[in-house]
Amino acid sequence: MKLIGIRIAMSIFALNTLLRRPSARAALERRPAQDHPERGDVPGWVMITLMSAVLVAALLAIAGPALEGLFNQAMDKVGQ
C-alpha cells in the first residue's frame, strides 16, 4: 500500500512540475479573449482531485486494519 501512495505522490509531483514549465504556462495563458467567464481552472481541479485521492489512499493505508477488524467483528455478531 505504501508503494501506491509513493507512486501517487510522484505523479502529483510530476504533474505539478509539468504545469510549472514556461511552455505549459504559456499555453494556458494563450486562451482566446472571448472565453466564458465561468470556464474554470482545469489544472487546479485535477490537482485537487489527485490530492483527494492521495488523502483517501493514505487514510486507507493507516486505518485499513482497524476498519477490517470492525467489519469482521460486525459480521461475527450478525452471524451468531
PDB file of N, CA and C in Angstrom:
ATOM      1  N   MET A   1       0.832  -1.192   0.000  1.00  0.00           N
ATOM      2  CA  MET A   1       0.000   0.000   0.000  1.00  0.00           C
ATOM      3  C   MET A   1       0.873   1.251   0.000  1.00  0.00           C
ATOM      4  N   LYS A   2       2.042   1.169   0.663  1.00  0.00           N
ATOM      5  CA  LYS A   2       2.936   2.326   0.685  1.00  0.00           C
ATOM      6  C   LYS A   2       3.428   2.643  -0.711  1.00  0.00           C
ATOM      7  N   LEU A   3       3.647   1.605  -1.520  1.00  0.00           N
ATOM      8  CA  LEU A   3       4.144   1.794  -2.872  1.00  0.00           C
ATOM      9  C   LEU A   3       3.129   2.563  -3.708  1.00  0.00           C
ATOM     10  N   ILE A   4       1.846   2.283  -3.511  1.00  0.00           N
ATOM     11  CA  ILE A   4       0.808   3.005  -4.245  1.00  0.00           C
ATOM     12  C   ILE A   4       0.817   4.475  -3.849  1.00  0.00           C
ATOM     13  N   GLY A   5       0.934   4.753  -2.565  1.00  0.00           N
ATOM     14  CA  GLY A   5       0.982   6.135  -2.092  1.00  0.00           C
ATOM     15  C   GLY A   5       2.179   6.874  -2.639  1.00  0.00           C
ATOM     16  N   ILE A   6       3.324   6.203  -2.700  1.00  0.00           N
ATOM     17  CA  ILE A   6       4.529   6.833  -3.238  1.00  0.00           C
ATOM     18  C   ILE A   6       4.347   7.124  -4.721  1.00  0.00           C
ATOM     19  N   ARG A   7       3.748   6.172  -5.457  1.00  0.00           N
ATOM     20  CA  ARG A   7       3.527   6.392  -6.890  1.00  0.00           C
ATOM     21  C   ARG A   7       2.564   7.546  -7.135  1.00  0.00           C
ATOM     22  N   ILE A   8       1.526   7.634  -6.315  1.00  0.00           N
ATOM     23  CA  ILE A   8       0.570   8.731  -6.470  1.00  0.00           C
ATOM     24  C   ILE A   8       1.248  10.054  -6.167  1.00  0.00           C
ATOM     25  N   ALA A   9       2.044  10.100  -5.115  1.00  0.00           N
ATOM     26  CA  ALA A   9       2.751  11.330  -4.767  1.00  0.00           C
ATOM     27  C   ALA A   9       3.714  11.724  -5.879  1.00  0.00           C
ATOM     28  N   MET A  10       4.400  10.746  -6.471  1.00  0.00           N
ATOM     29  CA  MET A  10       5.312  11.049  -7.570  1.00  0.00           C
ATOM     30  C   MET A  10       4.550  11.571  -8.783  1.00  0.00           C
ATOM     31  N   SER A  11       3.361  11.025  -9.026  1.00  0.00           N
ATOM     32  CA  SER A  11       2.545  11.501 -10.146  1.00  0.00           C
ATOM     33  C   SER A  11       2.107  12.939  -9.929  1.00  0.00           C
ATOM     34  N   ILE A  12       1.718  13.256  -8.695  1.00  0.00           N
ATOM     35  CA  ILE A  12       1.316  14.635  -8.388  1.00  0.00           C
ATOM     36  C   ILE A  12       2.500  15.576  -8.574  1.00  0.00           C
ATOM     37  N   PHE A  13       3.677  15.160  -8.117  1.00  0.00           N
ATOM     38  CA  PHE A  13       4.868  15.985  -8.270  1.00  0.00           C
ATOM     39  C   PHE A  13       5.170  16.206  -9.748  1.00  0.00           C
ATOM     40  N   ALA A  14       5.066  15.143 -10.552  1.00  0.00           N
ATOM     41  CA  ALA A  14       5.347  15.267 -11.982  1.00  0.00           C
ATOM     42  C   ALA A  14       4.340  16.198 -12.652  1.00  0.00           C
ATOM     43  N   LEU A  15       3.060  16.065 -12.298  1.00  0.00           N
ATOM     44  CA  LEU A  15       2.041  16.936 -12.865  1.00  0.00           C
ATOM     45  C   LEU A  15       2.295  18.387 -12.478  1.00  0.00           C
ATOM     46  N   ASN A  16       2.624  18.604 -11.231  1.00  0.00           N
ATOM     47  CA  ASN A  16       2.916  19.952 -10.760  1.00  0.00           C
ATOM     48  C   ASN A  16       4.126  20.525 -11.501  1.00  0.00           C
ATOM     49  N   THR A  17       5.151  19.709 -11.709  1.00  0.00           N
ATOM     50  CA  THR A  17       6.345  20.154 -12.426  1.00  0.00           C
ATOM     51  C   THR A  17       6.003  20.510 -13.868  1.00  0.00           C
ATOM     52  N   LEU A  18       5.188  19.670 -14.508  1.00  0.00           N
ATOM     53  CA  LEU A  18       4.813  19.948 -15.894  1.00  0.00           C
ATOM     54  C   LEU A  18       4.019  21.239 -16.011  1.00  0.00           C
ATOM     55  N   LEU A  19       3.133  21.482 -15.052  1.00  0.00           N
ATOM     56  CA  LEU A  19       2.311  22.685 -15.122  1.00  0.00           C
ATOM     57  C   LEU A  19       3.109  23.944 -14.825  1.00  0.00           C
ATOM     58  N   ARG A  20       4.237  23.811 -14.169  1.00  0.00           N
ATOM     59  CA  ARG A  20       5.053  24.982 -13.852  1.00  0.00           C
ATOM     60  C   ARG A  20       6.036  25.338 -14.962  1.00  0.00           C
ATOM     61  N   ARG A  21       6.148  24.489 -15.977  1.00  0.00           N
ATOM     62  CA  ARG A  21       7.043  24.793 -17.089  1.00  0.00           C
ATOM     63  C   ARG A  21       6.544  26.024 -17.837  1.00  0.00           C
ATOM     64  N   PRO A  22       7.454  26.844 -18.318  1.00  0.00           N
ATOM     65  CA  PRO A  22       7.029  28.049 -19.050  1.00  0.00           C
ATOM     66  C   PRO A  22       6.173  27.722 -20.266  1.00  0.00           C
ATOM     67  N   SER A  23       6.480  26.645 -20.987  1.00  0.00           N
ATOM     68  CA  SER A  23       5.700  26.314 -22.178  1.00  0.00           C
ATOM     69  C   SER A  23       4.264  25.949 -21.809  1.00  0.00           C
ATOM     70  N   ALA A  24       4.088  25.207 -20.718  1.00  0.00           N
ATOM     71  CA  ALA A  24       2.737  24.836 -20.294  1.00  0.00           C
ATOM     72  C   ALA A  24       1.976  26.065 -19.802  1.00  0.00           C
ATOM     73  N   ARG A  25       2.676  26.914 -19.081  1.00  0.00           N
ATOM     74  CA  ARG A  25       2.032  28.129 -18.575  1.00  0.00           C
ATOM     75  C   ARG A  25       1.639  29.035 -19.737  1.00  0.00           C
ATOM     76  N   ALA A  26       2.525  29.151 -20.735  1.00  0.00           N
ATOM     77  CA  ALA A  26       2.230  29.989 -21.891  1.00  0.00           C
ATOM     78  C   ALA A  26       1.037  29.440 -22.664  1.00  0.00           C
ATOM     79  N   ALA A  27       0.945  28.121 -22.782  1.00  0.00           N
ATOM     80  CA  ALA A  27      -0.184  27.518 -23.482  1.00  0.00           C
ATOM     81  C   ALA A  27      -1.490  27.808 -22.752  1.00  0.00           C
ATOM     82  N   LEU A  28      -1.443  27.804 -21.423  1.00  0.00           N
ATOM     83  CA  LEU A  28      -2.648  28.108 -20.654  1.00  0.00           C
ATOM     84  C   LEU A  28      -3.037  29.576 -20.772  1.00  0.00           C
ATOM     85  N   GLU A  29      -2.031  30.444 -20.909  1.00  0.00           N
ATOM     86  CA  GLU A  29      -2.301  31.874 -20.978  1.00  0.00           C
ATOM     87  C   GLU A  29      -2.728  32.315 -22.378  1.00  0.00           C
ATOM     88  N   ARG A  30      -2.564  31.475 -23.405  1.00  0.00           N
ATOM     89  CA  ARG A  30      -2.925  31.824 -24.776  1.00  0.00           C
ATOM     90  C   ARG A  30      -4.390  31.533 -25.064  1.00  0.00           C
ATOM     91  N   ARG A  31      -5.235  31.727 -24.127  1.00  0.00           N
ATOM     92  CA  ARG A  31      -6.659  31.478 -24.342  1.00  0.00           C
ATOM     93  C   ARG A  31      -7.268  32.647 -25.106  1.00  0.00           C
ATOM     94  N   PRO A  32      -8.275  32.378 -25.897  1.00  0.00           N
ATOM     95  CA  PRO A  32      -8.953  33.469 -26.600  1.00  0.00           C
ATOM     96  C   PRO A  32      -9.607  34.435 -25.619  1.00  0.00           C
ATOM     97  N   ALA A  33      -9.722  35.670 -26.037  1.00  0.00           N
ATOM     98  CA  ALA A  33     -10.274  36.710 -25.157  1.00  0.00           C
ATOM     99  C   ALA A  33     -11.754  36.489 -24.872  1.00  0.00           C
ATOM    100  N   GLN A  34     -12.463  35.783 -25.755  1.00  0.00           N
ATOM    101  CA  GLN A  34     -13.895  35.621 -25.570  1.00  0.00           C
ATOM    102  C   GLN A  34     -14.262  34.363 -24.790  1.00  0.00           C
ATOM    103  N   ASP A  35     -13.348  33.843 -23.968  1.00  0.00           N
ATOM    104  CA  ASP A  35     -13.680  32.690 -23.132  1.00  0.00           C
ATOM    105  C   ASP A  35     -14.800  33.035 -22.172  1.00  0.00           C
ATOM    106  N   HIS A  36     -15.555  32.026 -21.821  1.00  0.00           N
ATOM    107  CA  HIS A  36     -16.643  32.205 -20.864  1.00  0.00           C
ATOM    108  C   HIS A  36     -16.048  32.559 -19.506  1.00  0.00           C
ATOM    109  N   PRO A  37     -16.619  33.521 -18.791  1.00  0.00           N
ATOM    110  CA  PRO A  37     -16.040  33.932 -17.502  1.00  0.00           C
ATOM    111  C   PRO A  37     -16.073  32.831 -16.436  1.00  0.00           C
ATOM    112  N   GLU A  38     -16.955  31.850 -16.568  1.00  0.00           N
ATOM    113  CA  GLU A  38     -17.041  30.772 -15.592  1.00  0.00           C
ATOM    114  C   GLU A  38     -16.422  29.485 -16.139  1.00  0.00           C
ATOM    115  N   ARG A  39     -15.401  29.632 -16.957  1.00  0.00           N
ATOM    116  CA  ARG A  39     -14.786  28.478 -17.610  1.00  0.00           C
ATOM    117  C   ARG A  39     -14.196  27.501 -16.613  1.00  0.00           C
ATOM    118  N   GLY A  40     -13.535  27.977 -15.596  1.00  0.00           N
ATOM    119  CA  GLY A  40     -12.953  27.100 -14.584  1.00  0.00           C
ATOM    120  C   GLY A  40     -11.469  26.877 -14.785  1.00  0.00           C
ATOM    121  N   ASP A  41     -10.865  26.331 -13.764  1.00  0.00           N
ATOM    122  CA  ASP A  41      -9.423  26.108 -13.748  1.00  0.00           C
ATOM    123  C   ASP A  41      -9.186  24.605 -13.764  1.00  0.00           C
ATOM    124  N   VAL A  42      -9.035  24.022 -14.954  1.00  0.00           N
ATOM    125  CA  VAL A  42      -8.904  22.575 -15.076  1.00  0.00           C
ATOM    126  C   VAL A  42      -7.672  22.039 -14.351  1.00  0.00           C
ATOM    127  N   PRO A  43      -6.473  22.614 -14.537  1.00  0.00           N
ATOM    128  CA  PRO A  43      -5.317  22.076 -13.803  1.00  0.00           C
ATOM    129  C   PRO A  43      -5.507  22.133 -12.286  1.00  0.00           C
ATOM    130  N   GLY A  44      -6.169  23.150 -11.812  1.00  0.00           N
ATOM    131  CA  GLY A  44      -6.437  23.244 -10.379  1.00  0.00           C
ATOM    132  C   GLY A  44      -7.354  22.136  -9.907  1.00  0.00           C
ATOM    133  N   TRP A  45      -8.391  21.837 -10.683  1.00  0.00           N
ATOM    134  CA  TRP A  45      -9.306  20.760 -10.309  1.00  0.00           C
ATOM    135  C   TRP A  45      -8.633  19.405 -10.396  1.00  0.00           C
ATOM    136  N   VAL A  46      -7.758  19.232 -11.379  1.00  0.00           N
ATOM    137  CA  VAL A  46      -7.013  17.973 -11.475  1.00  0.00           C
ATOM    138  C   VAL A  46      -6.147  17.805 -10.230  1.00  0.00           C
ATOM    139  N   MET A  47      -5.495  18.868  -9.824  1.00  0.00           N
ATOM    140  CA  MET A  47      -4.638  18.811  -8.645  1.00  0.00           C
ATOM    141  C   MET A  47      -5.456  18.507  -7.389  1.00  0.00           C
ATOM    142  N   ILE A  48      -6.605  19.136  -7.254  1.00  0.00           N
ATOM    143  CA  ILE A  48      -7.459  18.879  -6.095  1.00  0.00           C
ATOM    144  C   ILE A  48      -7.925  17.426  -6.088  1.00  0.00           C
ATOM    145  N   THR A  49      -8.295  16.906  -7.256  1.00  0.00           N
ATOM    146  CA  THR A  49      -8.745  15.519  -7.351  1.00  0.00           C
ATOM    147  C   THR A  49      -7.633  14.551  -6.977  1.00  0.00           C
ATOM    148  N   LEU A  50      -6.433  14.797  -7.499  1.00  0.00           N
ATOM    149  CA  LEU A  50      -5.307  13.924  -7.179  1.00  0.00           C
ATOM    150  C   LEU A  50      -4.940  13.989  -5.701  1.00  0.00           C
ATOM    151  N   MET A  51      -4.961  15.186  -5.137  1.00  0.00           N
ATOM    152  CA  MET A  51      -4.639  15.324  -3.717  1.00  0.00           C
ATOM    153  C   MET A  51      -5.692  14.612  -2.861  1.00  0.00           C
ATOM    154  N   SER A  52      -6.949  14.677  -3.272  1.00  0.00           N
ATOM    155  CA  SER A  52      -8.001  13.967  -2.535  1.00  0.00           C
ATOM    156  C   SER A  52      -7.783  12.460  -2.615  1.00  0.00           C
ATOM    157  N   ALA A  53      -7.394  11.980  -3.791  1.00  0.00           N
ATOM    158  CA  ALA A  53      -7.129  10.548  -3.937  1.00  0.00           C
ATOM    159  C   ALA A  53      -5.965  10.115  -3.057  1.00  0.00           C
ATOM    160  N   VAL A  54      -4.938  10.957  -2.958  1.00  0.00           N
ATOM    161  CA  VAL A  54      -3.793  10.634  -2.096  1.00  0.00           C
ATOM    162  C   VAL A  54      -4.226  10.591  -0.636  1.00  0.00           C
ATOM    163  N   LEU A  55      -5.063  11.525  -0.226  1.00  0.00           N
ATOM    164  CA  LEU A  55      -5.544  11.528   1.154  1.00  0.00           C
ATOM    165  C   LEU A  55      -6.356  10.275   1.465  1.00  0.00           C
ATOM    166  N   VAL A  56      -7.224   9.880   0.544  1.00  0.00           N
ATOM    167  CA  VAL A  56      -8.022   8.669   0.755  1.00  0.00           C
ATOM    168  C   VAL A  56      -7.122   7.442   0.836  1.00  0.00           C
ATOM    169  N   ALA A  57      -6.135   7.363  -0.062  1.00  0.00           N
ATOM    170  CA  ALA A  57      -5.220   6.218  -0.050  1.00  0.00           C
ATOM    171  C   ALA A  57      -4.419   6.186   1.255  1.00  0.00           C
ATOM    172  N   ALA A  58      -3.974   7.352   1.719  1.00  0.00           N
ATOM    173  CA  ALA A  58      -3.207   7.404   2.963  1.00  0.00           C
ATOM    174  C   ALA A  58      -4.072   6.992   4.158  1.00  0.00           C
ATOM    175  N   LEU A  59      -5.300   7.488   4.205  1.00  0.00           N
ATOM    176  CA  LEU A  59      -6.194   7.117   5.304  1.00  0.00           C
ATOM    177  C   LEU A  59      -6.520   5.627   5.269  1.00  0.00           C
ATOM    178  N   LEU A  60      -6.707   5.091   4.073  1.00  0.00           N
ATOM    179  CA  LEU A  60      -6.967   3.660   3.960  1.00  0.00           C
ATOM    180  C   LEU A  60      -5.758   2.848   4.409  1.00  0.00           C
ATOM    181  N   ALA A  61      -4.577   3.313   4.076  1.00  0.00           N
ATOM    182  CA  ALA A  61      -3.370   2.590   4.468  1.00  0.00           C
ATOM    183  C   ALA A  61      -3.197   2.605   5.986  1.00  0.00           C
ATOM    184  N   ILE A  62      -3.535   3.724   6.597  1.00  0.00           N
ATOM    185  CA  ILE A  62      -3.362   3.854   8.049  1.00  0.00           C
ATOM    186  C   ILE A  62      -4.487   3.149   8.802  1.00  0.00           C
ATOM    187  N   ALA A  63      -5.735   3.372   8.367  1.00  0.00           N
ATOM    188  CA  ALA A  63      -6.884   2.868   9.115  1.00  0.00           C
ATOM    189  C   ALA A  63      -7.405   1.537   8.572  1.00  0.00           C
ATOM    190  N   GLY A  64      -6.799   1.005   7.530  1.00  0.00           N
ATOM    191  CA  GLY A  64      -7.280  -0.235   6.916  1.00  0.00           C
ATOM    192  C   GLY A  64      -7.418  -1.401   7.880  1.00  0.00           C
ATOM    193  N   PRO A  65      -6.375  -1.725   8.639  1.00  0.00           N
ATOM    194  CA  PRO A  65      -6.502  -2.854   9.573  1.00  0.00           C
ATOM    195  C   PRO A  65      -7.588  -2.644  10.639  1.00  0.00           C
ATOM    196  N   ALA A  66      -7.716  -1.420  11.133  1.00  0.00           N
ATOM    197  CA  ALA A  66      -8.751  -1.149  12.139  1.00  0.00           C
ATOM    198  C   ALA A  66     -10.142  -1.290  11.534  1.00  0.00           C
ATOM    199  N   LEU A  67     -10.328  -0.790  10.319  1.00  0.00           N
ATOM    200  CA  LEU A  67     -11.617  -0.920   9.657  1.00  0.00           C
ATOM    201  C   LEU A  67     -11.939  -2.379   9.347  1.00  0.00           C
ATOM    202  N   GLU A  68     -10.933  -3.138   8.962  1.00  0.00           N
ATOM    203  CA  GLU A  68     -11.134  -4.560   8.696  1.00  0.00           C
ATOM    204  C   GLU A  68     -11.552  -5.293   9.972  1.00  0.00           C
ATOM    205  N   GLY A  69     -10.930  -4.937  11.088  1.00  0.00           N
ATOM    206  CA  GLY A  69     -11.299  -5.538  12.367  1.00  0.00           C
ATOM    207  C   GLY A  69     -12.729  -5.211  12.753  1.00  0.00           C
ATOM    208  N   LEU A  70     -13.136  -3.958  12.556  1.00  0.00           N
ATOM    209  CA  LEU A  70     -14.516  -3.571  12.852  1.00  0.00           C
ATOM    210  C   LEU A  70     -15.505  -4.324  11.973  1.00  0.00           C
ATOM    211  N   PHE A  71     -15.174  -4.455  10.696  1.00  0.00           N
ATOM    212  CA  PHE A  71     -16.049  -5.173   9.773  1.00  0.00           C
ATOM    213  C   PHE A  71     -16.185  -6.640  10.178  1.00  0.00           C
ATOM    214  N   ASN A  72     -15.062  -7.272  10.473  1.00  0.00           N
ATOM    215  CA  ASN A  72     -15.098  -8.681  10.863  1.00  0.00           C
ATOM    216  C   ASN A  72     -15.876  -8.878  12.160  1.00  0.00           C
ATOM    217  N   GLN A  73     -15.709  -7.955  13.095  1.00  0.00           N
ATOM    218  CA  GLN A  73     -16.445  -8.037  14.359  1.00  0.00           C
ATOM    219  C   GLN A  73     -17.958  -7.896  14.115  1.00  0.00           C
ATOM    220  N   ALA A  74     -18.335  -6.983  13.243  1.00  0.00           N
ATOM    221  CA  ALA A  74     -19.775  -6.798  12.931  1.00  0.00           C
ATOM    222  C   ALA A  74     -20.329  -8.036  12.237  1.00  0.00           C
ATOM    223  N   MET A  75     -19.562  -8.617  11.332  1.00  0.00           N
ATOM    224  CA  MET A  75     -20.025  -9.822  10.632  1.00  0.00           C
ATOM    225  C   MET A  75     -20.167 -11.007  11.594  1.00  0.00           C
ATOM    226  N   ASP A  76     -19.258 -11.098  12.564  1.00  0.00           N
ATOM    227  CA  ASP A  76     -19.353 -12.169  13.556  1.00  0.00           C
ATOM    228  C   ASP A  76     -20.611 -12.022  14.412  1.00  0.00           C
ATOM    229  N   LYS A  77     -20.961 -10.787  14.774  1.00  0.00           N
ATOM    230  CA  LYS A  77     -22.157 -10.549  15.575  1.00  0.00           C
ATOM    231  C   LYS A  77     -23.427 -10.863  14.785  1.00  0.00           C
ATOM    232  N   VAL A  78     -23.417 -10.533  13.496  1.00  0.00           N
ATOM    233  CA  VAL A  78     -24.592 -10.796  12.669  1.00  0.00           C
ATOM    234  C   VAL A  78     -24.747 -12.304  12.452  1.00  0.00           C
ATOM    235  N   GLY A  79     -23.623 -13.004  12.319  1.00  0.00           N
ATOM    236  CA  GLY A  79     -23.670 -14.450  12.065  1.00  0.00           C
ATOM    237  C   GLY A  79     -24.094 -15.282  13.254  1.00  0.00           C
ATOM    238  N   GLN A  80     -24.093 -14.737  14.453  1.00  0.00           N
ATOM    239  CA  GLN A  80     -24.437 -15.518  15.654  1.00  0.00           C
ATOM    240  C   GLN A  80     -25.915 -15.651  15.849  1.00  0.00           C
TER     241      GLN A  80
END
